[in-house]
Amino acid sequence: MQNVVFKFRRPSGSKSQQPSRALTQALHCLGEADEMQSLLAQARQSGKSVAIEVFQTRDGQPLLIHIKKEAA
């Protein structure tokens, strides 16, 4: 998926683990949703990308999903 970056944020000191395949696929679907198209178009026009950040608890459970435009 072009112009979309996925980031996973955990509290400092928590063990690093890869997100599950199901979570990764769900985030890809989110990035392709109709509701995201205007944000993706705006980011593309301004030369930026869209970052989908997943903030997780210490044990890796998703707590918050934040979407923003950022420099490419």
PDB file of N, CA and C in Angstrom:
ATOM      1  N   MET A   1       0.855  -1.167   0.000  1.00  0.00           N
ATOM      2  CA  MET A   1       0.000   0.000   0.000  1.00  0.00           C
ATOM      3  C   MET A   1       0.899   1.227   0.000  1.00  0.00           C
ATOM      4  N   GLN A   2       0.716   2.074  -0.985  1.00  0.00           N
ATOM      5  CA  GLN A   2       1.570   3.228  -1.155  1.00  0.00           C
ATOM      6  C   GLN A   2       1.149   4.363  -0.228  1.00  0.00           C
ATOM      7  N   ASN A   3       2.117   5.085   0.309  1.00  0.00           N
ATOM      8  CA  ASN A   3       1.901   6.261   1.149  1.00  0.00           C
ATOM      9  C   ASN A   3       1.281   5.949   2.510  1.00  0.00           C
ATOM     10  N   VAL A   4       1.284   4.704   2.947  1.00  0.00           N
ATOM     11  CA  VAL A   4       0.780   4.358   4.275  1.00  0.00           C
ATOM     12  C   VAL A   4       1.887   3.654   5.042  1.00  0.00           C
ATOM     13  N   VAL A   5       2.150   4.158   6.256  1.00  0.00           N
ATOM     14  CA  VAL A   5       3.193   3.603   7.123  1.00  0.00           C
ATOM     15  C   VAL A   5       2.515   3.094   8.391  1.00  0.00           C
ATOM     16  N   PHE A   6       2.905   1.917   8.842  1.00  0.00           N
ATOM     17  CA  PHE A   6       2.358   1.354  10.077  1.00  0.00           C
ATOM     18  C   PHE A   6       3.427   1.424  11.161  1.00  0.00           C
ATOM     19  N   LYS A   7       3.047   1.929  12.328  1.00  0.00           N
ATOM     20  CA  LYS A   7       3.974   2.026  13.453  1.00  0.00           C
ATOM     21  C   LYS A   7       3.311   1.416  14.683  1.00  0.00           C
ATOM     22  N   PHE A   8       4.109   0.695  15.439  1.00  0.00           N
ATOM     23  CA  PHE A   8       3.619   0.083  16.666  1.00  0.00           C
ATOM     24  C   PHE A   8       4.384   0.681  17.828  1.00  0.00           C
ATOM     25  N   ARG A   9       3.670   1.247  18.784  1.00  0.00           N
ATOM     26  CA  ARG A   9       4.278   1.915  19.937  1.00  0.00           C
ATOM     27  C   ARG A   9       3.946   1.140  21.204  1.00  0.00           C
ATOM     28  N   ARG A  10       4.986   0.894  21.980  1.00  0.00           N
ATOM     29  CA  ARG A  10       4.828   0.195  23.267  1.00  0.00           C
ATOM     30  C   ARG A  10       5.475   1.031  24.362  1.00  0.00           C
ATOM     31  N   PRO A  11       5.033   0.865  25.603  1.00  0.00           N
ATOM     32  CA  PRO A  11       5.690   1.571  26.695  1.00  0.00           C
ATOM     33  C   PRO A  11       7.154   1.149  26.794  1.00  0.00           C
ATOM     34  N   SER A  12       8.007   2.066  27.199  1.00  0.00           N
ATOM     35  CA  SER A  12       9.422   1.708  27.349  1.00  0.00           C
ATOM     36  C   SER A  12       9.562   0.602  28.380  1.00  0.00           C
ATOM     37  N   GLY A  13      10.481  -0.284  28.126  1.00  0.00           N
ATOM     38  CA  GLY A  13      10.719  -1.394  29.037  1.00  0.00           C
ATOM     39  C   GLY A  13       9.881  -2.627  28.746  1.00  0.00           C
ATOM     40  N   SER A  14       8.905  -2.523  27.853  1.00  0.00           N
ATOM     41  CA  SER A  14       8.107  -3.710  27.536  1.00  0.00           C
ATOM     42  C   SER A  14       8.832  -4.525  26.479  1.00  0.00           C
ATOM     43  N   LYS A  15       8.569  -5.818  26.486  1.00  0.00           N
ATOM     44  CA  LYS A  15       9.265  -6.682  25.531  1.00  0.00           C
ATOM     45  C   LYS A  15       8.729  -6.438  24.125  1.00  0.00           C
ATOM     46  N   SER A  16       9.627  -6.488  23.173  1.00  0.00           N
ATOM     47  CA  SER A  16       9.269  -6.264  21.776  1.00  0.00           C
ATOM     48  C   SER A  16       8.749  -7.560  21.168  1.00  0.00           C
ATOM     49  N   GLN A  17       7.584  -7.479  20.542  1.00  0.00           N
ATOM     50  CA  GLN A  17       7.037  -8.639  19.853  1.00  0.00           C
ATOM     51  C   GLN A  17       6.364  -8.162  18.578  1.00  0.00           C
ATOM     52  N   GLN A  18       6.405  -8.963  17.563  1.00  0.00           N
ATOM     53  CA  GLN A  18       5.795  -8.622  16.286  1.00  0.00           C
ATOM     54  C   GLN A  18       4.272  -8.704  16.398  1.00  0.00           C
ATOM     55  N   PRO A  19       3.565  -7.795  15.742  1.00  0.00           N
ATOM     56  CA  PRO A  19       2.100  -7.872  15.750  1.00  0.00           C
ATOM     57  C   PRO A  19       1.643  -9.116  14.992  1.00  0.00           C
ATOM     58  N   SER A  20       0.481  -9.598  15.338  1.00  0.00           N
ATOM     59  CA  SER A  20      -0.042 -10.795  14.669  1.00  0.00           C
ATOM     60  C   SER A  20      -0.361 -10.495  13.209  1.00  0.00           C
ATOM     61  N   ARG A  21      -0.419 -11.534  12.436  1.00  0.00           N
ATOM     62  CA  ARG A  21      -0.758 -11.391  11.017  1.00  0.00           C
ATOM     63  C   ARG A  21      -2.167 -10.823  10.862  1.00  0.00           C
ATOM     64  N   ALA A  22      -3.082 -11.253  11.731  1.00  0.00           N
ATOM     65  CA  ALA A  22      -4.466 -10.769  11.659  1.00  0.00           C
ATOM     66  C   ALA A  22      -4.537  -9.260  11.923  1.00  0.00           C
ATOM     67  N   LEU A  23      -3.765  -8.764  12.898  1.00  0.00           N
ATOM     68  CA  LEU A  23      -3.750  -7.332  13.186  1.00  0.00           C
ATOM     69  C   LEU A  23      -3.156  -6.560  12.019  1.00  0.00           C
ATOM     70  N   THR A  24      -2.086  -7.077  11.453  1.00  0.00           N
ATOM     71  CA  THR A  24      -1.451  -6.425  10.307  1.00  0.00           C
ATOM     72  C   THR A  24      -2.412  -6.366   9.122  1.00  0.00           C
ATOM     73  N   GLN A  25      -3.125  -7.443   8.857  1.00  0.00           N
ATOM     74  CA  GLN A  25      -4.100  -7.459   7.757  1.00  0.00           C
ATOM     75  C   GLN A  25      -5.247  -6.486   8.025  1.00  0.00           C
ATOM     76  N   ALA A  26      -5.694  -6.415   9.267  1.00  0.00           N
ATOM     77  CA  ALA A  26      -6.772  -5.481   9.621  1.00  0.00           C
ATOM     78  C   ALA A  26      -6.341  -4.038   9.393  1.00  0.00           C
ATOM     79  N   LEU A  27      -5.095  -3.715   9.716  1.00  0.00           N
ATOM     80  CA  LEU A  27      -4.599  -2.360   9.494  1.00  0.00           C
ATOM     81  C   LEU A  27      -4.485  -2.052   8.002  1.00  0.00           C
ATOM     82  N   HIS A  28      -4.095  -3.026   7.210  1.00  0.00           N
ATOM     83  CA  HIS A  28      -4.063  -2.838   5.757  1.00  0.00           C
ATOM     84  C   HIS A  28      -5.472  -2.557   5.232  1.00  0.00           C
ATOM     85  N   CYS A  29      -6.451  -3.283   5.726  1.00  0.00           N
ATOM     86  CA  CYS A  29      -7.845  -3.045   5.321  1.00  0.00           C
ATOM     87  C   CYS A  29      -8.296  -1.652   5.739  1.00  0.00           C
ATOM     88  N   LEU A  30      -7.900  -1.213   6.918  1.00  0.00           N
ATOM     89  CA  LEU A  30      -8.225   0.129   7.377  1.00  0.00           C
ATOM     90  C   LEU A  30      -7.639   1.171   6.436  1.00  0.00           C
ATOM     91  N   GLY A  31      -6.406   0.972   6.024  1.00  0.00           N
ATOM     92  CA  GLY A  31      -5.759   1.901   5.105  1.00  0.00           C
ATOM     93  C   GLY A  31      -6.408   1.958   3.739  1.00  0.00           C
ATOM     94  N   GLU A  32      -7.117   0.906   3.361  1.00  0.00           N
ATOM     95  CA  GLU A  32      -7.776   0.847   2.055  1.00  0.00           C
ATOM     96  C   GLU A  32      -9.248   1.231   2.113  1.00  0.00           C
ATOM     97  N   ALA A  33      -9.766   1.530   3.296  1.00  0.00           N
ATOM     98  CA  ALA A  33     -11.187   1.834   3.463  1.00  0.00           C
ATOM     99  C   ALA A  33     -11.582   3.107   2.705  1.00  0.00           C
ATOM    100  N   ASP A  34     -12.815   3.143   2.259  1.00  0.00           N
ATOM    101  CA  ASP A  34     -13.329   4.314   1.542  1.00  0.00           C
ATOM    102  C   ASP A  34     -13.162   5.585   2.368  1.00  0.00           C
ATOM    103  N   GLU A  35     -13.356   5.486   3.676  1.00  0.00           N
ATOM    104  CA  GLU A  35     -13.259   6.657   4.551  1.00  0.00           C
ATOM    105  C   GLU A  35     -11.851   7.245   4.577  1.00  0.00           C
ATOM    106  N   MET A  36     -10.864   6.464   4.241  1.00  0.00           N
ATOM    107  CA  MET A  36      -9.471   6.918   4.268  1.00  0.00           C
ATOM    108  C   MET A  36      -9.030   7.576   2.962  1.00  0.00           C
ATOM    109  N   GLN A  37      -9.796   7.429   1.903  1.00  0.00           N
ATOM    110  CA  GLN A  37      -9.356   7.877   0.583  1.00  0.00           C
ATOM    111  C   GLN A  37      -9.083   9.375   0.505  1.00  0.00           C
ATOM    112  N   SER A  38      -9.912  10.201   1.144  1.00  0.00           N
ATOM    113  CA  SER A  38      -9.658  11.648   1.081  1.00  0.00           C
ATOM    114  C   SER A  38      -8.379  12.014   1.831  1.00  0.00           C
ATOM    115  N   LEU A  39      -8.130  11.372   2.957  1.00  0.00           N
ATOM    116  CA  LEU A  39      -6.892  11.627   3.706  1.00  0.00           C
ATOM    117  C   LEU A  39      -5.674  11.182   2.902  1.00  0.00           C
ATOM    118  N   LEU A  40      -5.766  10.034   2.258  1.00  0.00           N
ATOM    119  CA  LEU A  40      -4.674   9.545   1.419  1.00  0.00           C
ATOM    120  C   LEU A  40      -4.421  10.488   0.245  1.00  0.00           C
ATOM    121  N   ALA A  41      -5.487  10.999  -0.367  1.00  0.00           N
ATOM    122  CA  ALA A  41      -5.339  11.928  -1.488  1.00  0.00           C
ATOM    123  C   ALA A  41      -4.681  13.231  -1.026  1.00  0.00           C
ATOM    124  N   GLN A  42      -5.088  13.752   0.137  1.00  0.00           N
ATOM    125  CA  GLN A  42      -4.481  14.974   0.675  1.00  0.00           C
ATOM    126  C   GLN A  42      -3.001  14.761   0.950  1.00  0.00           C
ATOM    127  N   ALA A  43      -2.677  13.635   1.524  1.00  0.00           N
ATOM    128  CA  ALA A  43      -1.273  13.336   1.842  1.00  0.00           C
ATOM    129  C   ALA A  43      -0.461  13.231   0.550  1.00  0.00           C
ATOM    130  N   ARG A  44      -1.001  12.558  -0.432  1.00  0.00           N
ATOM    131  CA  ARG A  44      -0.317  12.398  -1.718  1.00  0.00           C
ATOM    132  C   ARG A  44      -0.054  13.755  -2.367  1.00  0.00           C
ATOM    133  N   GLN A  45      -1.052  14.646  -2.353  1.00  0.00           N
ATOM    134  CA  GLN A  45      -0.912  15.967  -2.956  1.00  0.00           C
ATOM    135  C   GLN A  45       0.136  16.815  -2.262  1.00  0.00           C
ATOM    136  N   SER A  46       0.272  16.646  -0.953  1.00  0.00           N
ATOM    137  CA  SER A  46       1.242  17.452  -0.203  1.00  0.00           C
ATOM    138  C   SER A  46       2.596  16.768  -0.070  1.00  0.00           C
ATOM    139  N   GLY A  47       2.767  15.607  -0.710  1.00  0.00           N
ATOM    140  CA  GLY A  47       4.039  14.900  -0.662  1.00  0.00           C
ATOM    141  C   GLY A  47       4.306  14.212   0.663  1.00  0.00           C
ATOM    142  N   LYS A  48       3.255  13.916   1.393  1.00  0.00           N
ATOM    143  CA  LYS A  48       3.390  13.261   2.697  1.00  0.00           C
ATOM    144  C   LYS A  48       2.842  11.849   2.625  1.00  0.00           C
ATOM    145  N   SER A  49       3.010  11.125   3.709  1.00  0.00           N
ATOM    146  CA  SER A  49       2.418   9.795   3.814  1.00  0.00           C
ATOM    147  C   SER A  49       1.462   9.795   4.997  1.00  0.00           C
ATOM    148  N   VAL A  50       0.673   8.758   5.099  1.00  0.00           N
ATOM    149  CA  VAL A  50      -0.258   8.599   6.214  1.00  0.00           C
ATOM    150  C   VAL A  50       0.330   7.556   7.148  1.00  0.00           C
ATOM    151  N   ALA A  51       0.455   7.920   8.415  1.00  0.00           N
ATOM    152  CA  ALA A  51       0.966   6.979   9.419  1.00  0.00           C
ATOM    153  C   ALA A  51      -0.199   6.460  10.249  1.00  0.00           C
ATOM    154  N   ILE A  52      -0.306   5.150  10.335  1.00  0.00           N
ATOM    155  CA  ILE A  52      -1.284   4.516  11.216  1.00  0.00           C
ATOM    156  C   ILE A  52      -0.477   3.963  12.379  1.00  0.00           C
ATOM    157  N   GLU A  53      -0.638   4.603  13.534  1.00  0.00           N
ATOM    158  CA  GLU A  53       0.118   4.216  14.731  1.00  0.00           C
ATOM    159  C   GLU A  53      -0.782   3.413  15.661  1.00  0.00           C
ATOM    160  N   VAL A  54      -0.269   2.307  16.135  1.00  0.00           N
ATOM    161  CA  VAL A  54      -0.994   1.474  17.088  1.00  0.00           C
ATOM    162  C   VAL A  54      -0.245   1.550  18.409  1.00  0.00           C
ATOM    163  N   PHE A  55      -0.882   2.127  19.407  1.00  0.00           N
ATOM    164  CA  PHE A  55      -0.301   2.177  20.747  1.00  0.00           C
ATOM    165  C   PHE A  55      -0.767   0.939  21.491  1.00  0.00           C
ATOM    166  N   GLN A  56       0.193   0.238  22.090  1.00  0.00           N
ATOM    167  CA  GLN A  56      -0.107  -1.041  22.727  1.00  0.00           C
ATOM    168  C   GLN A  56       0.219  -1.006  24.219  1.00  0.00           C
ATOM    169  N   THR A  57      -0.435  -1.904  24.947  1.00  0.00           N
ATOM    170  CA  THR A  57      -0.120  -2.069  26.361  1.00  0.00           C
ATOM    171  C   THR A  57       1.196  -2.843  26.472  1.00  0.00           C
ATOM    172  N   ARG A  58       1.700  -2.986  27.671  1.00  0.00           N
ATOM    173  CA  ARG A  58       2.973  -3.705  27.886  1.00  0.00           C
ATOM    174  C   ARG A  58       2.935  -5.129  27.353  1.00  0.00           C
ATOM    175  N   ASP A  59       1.760  -5.757  27.402  1.00  0.00           N
ATOM    176  CA  ASP A  59       1.683  -7.147  26.928  1.00  0.00           C
ATOM    177  C   ASP A  59       1.264  -7.250  25.462  1.00  0.00           C
ATOM    178  N   GLY A  60       1.251  -6.122  24.739  1.00  0.00           N
ATOM    179  CA  GLY A  60       1.030  -6.150  23.299  1.00  0.00           C
ATOM    180  C   GLY A  60      -0.402  -5.961  22.836  1.00  0.00           C
ATOM    181  N   GLN A  61      -1.335  -5.749  23.758  1.00  0.00           N
ATOM    182  CA  GLN A  61      -2.718  -5.550  23.343  1.00  0.00           C
ATOM    183  C   GLN A  61      -2.903  -4.135  22.796  1.00  0.00           C
ATOM    184  N   PRO A  62      -3.593  -3.985  21.657  1.00  0.00           N
ATOM    185  CA  PRO A  62      -3.807  -2.649  21.095  1.00  0.00           C
ATOM    186  C   PRO A  62      -4.693  -1.823  22.019  1.00  0.00           C
ATOM    187  N   LEU A  63      -4.283  -0.594  22.221  1.00  0.00           N
ATOM    188  CA  LEU A  63      -4.993   0.294  23.134  1.00  0.00           C
ATOM    189  C   LEU A  63      -5.622   1.458  22.380  1.00  0.00           C
ATOM    190  N   LEU A  64      -4.906   1.970  21.377  1.00  0.00           N
ATOM    191  CA  LEU A  64      -5.342   3.146  20.645  1.00  0.00           C
ATOM    192  C   LEU A  64      -4.758   3.095  19.234  1.00  0.00           C
ATOM    193  N   ILE A  65      -5.552   3.473  18.257  1.00  0.00           N
ATOM    194  CA  ILE A  65      -5.055   3.593  16.891  1.00  0.00           C
ATOM    195  C   ILE A  65      -5.156   5.060  16.512  1.00  0.00           C
ATOM    196  N   HIS A  66      -4.044   5.642  16.100  1.00  0.00           N
ATOM    197  CA  HIS A  66      -3.952   7.053  15.752  1.00  0.00           C
ATOM    198  C   HIS A  66      -3.524   7.170  14.299  1.00  0.00           C
ATOM    199  N   ILE A  67      -4.203   8.025  13.545  1.00  0.00           N
ATOM    200  CA  ILE A  67      -3.883   8.195  12.127  1.00  0.00           C
ATOM    201  C   ILE A  67      -3.494   9.639  11.895  1.00  0.00           C
ATOM    202  N   LYS A  68      -2.347   9.853  11.214  1.00  0.00           N
ATOM    203  CA  LYS A  68      -1.886  11.214  10.957  1.00  0.00           C
ATOM    204  C   LYS A  68      -1.108  11.270   9.659  1.00  0.00           C
ATOM    205  N   LYS A  69      -0.987  12.497   9.124  1.00  0.00           N
ATOM    206  CA  LYS A  69      -0.120  12.713   7.961  1.00  0.00           C
ATOM    207  C   LYS A  69       1.267  13.038   8.484  1.00  0.00           C
ATOM    208  N   GLU A  70       2.284  12.553   7.789  1.00  0.00           N
ATOM    209  CA  GLU A  70       3.659  12.860   8.177  1.00  0.00           C
ATOM    210  C   GLU A  70       4.542  12.976   6.945  1.00  0.00           C
ATOM    211  N   ALA A  71       5.688  13.593   7.127  1.00  0.00           N
ATOM    212  CA  ALA A  71       6.617  13.761   6.005  1.00  0.00           C
ATOM    213  C   ALA A  71       7.000  12.407   5.428  1.00  0.00           C
ATOM    214  N   ALA A  72       7.058  12.328   4.136  1.00  0.00           N
ATOM    215  CA  ALA A  72       7.367  11.063   3.462  1.00  0.00           C
ATOM    216  C   ALA A  72       8.825  10.698   3.599  1.00  0.00           C
TER     217      ALA A  72
END
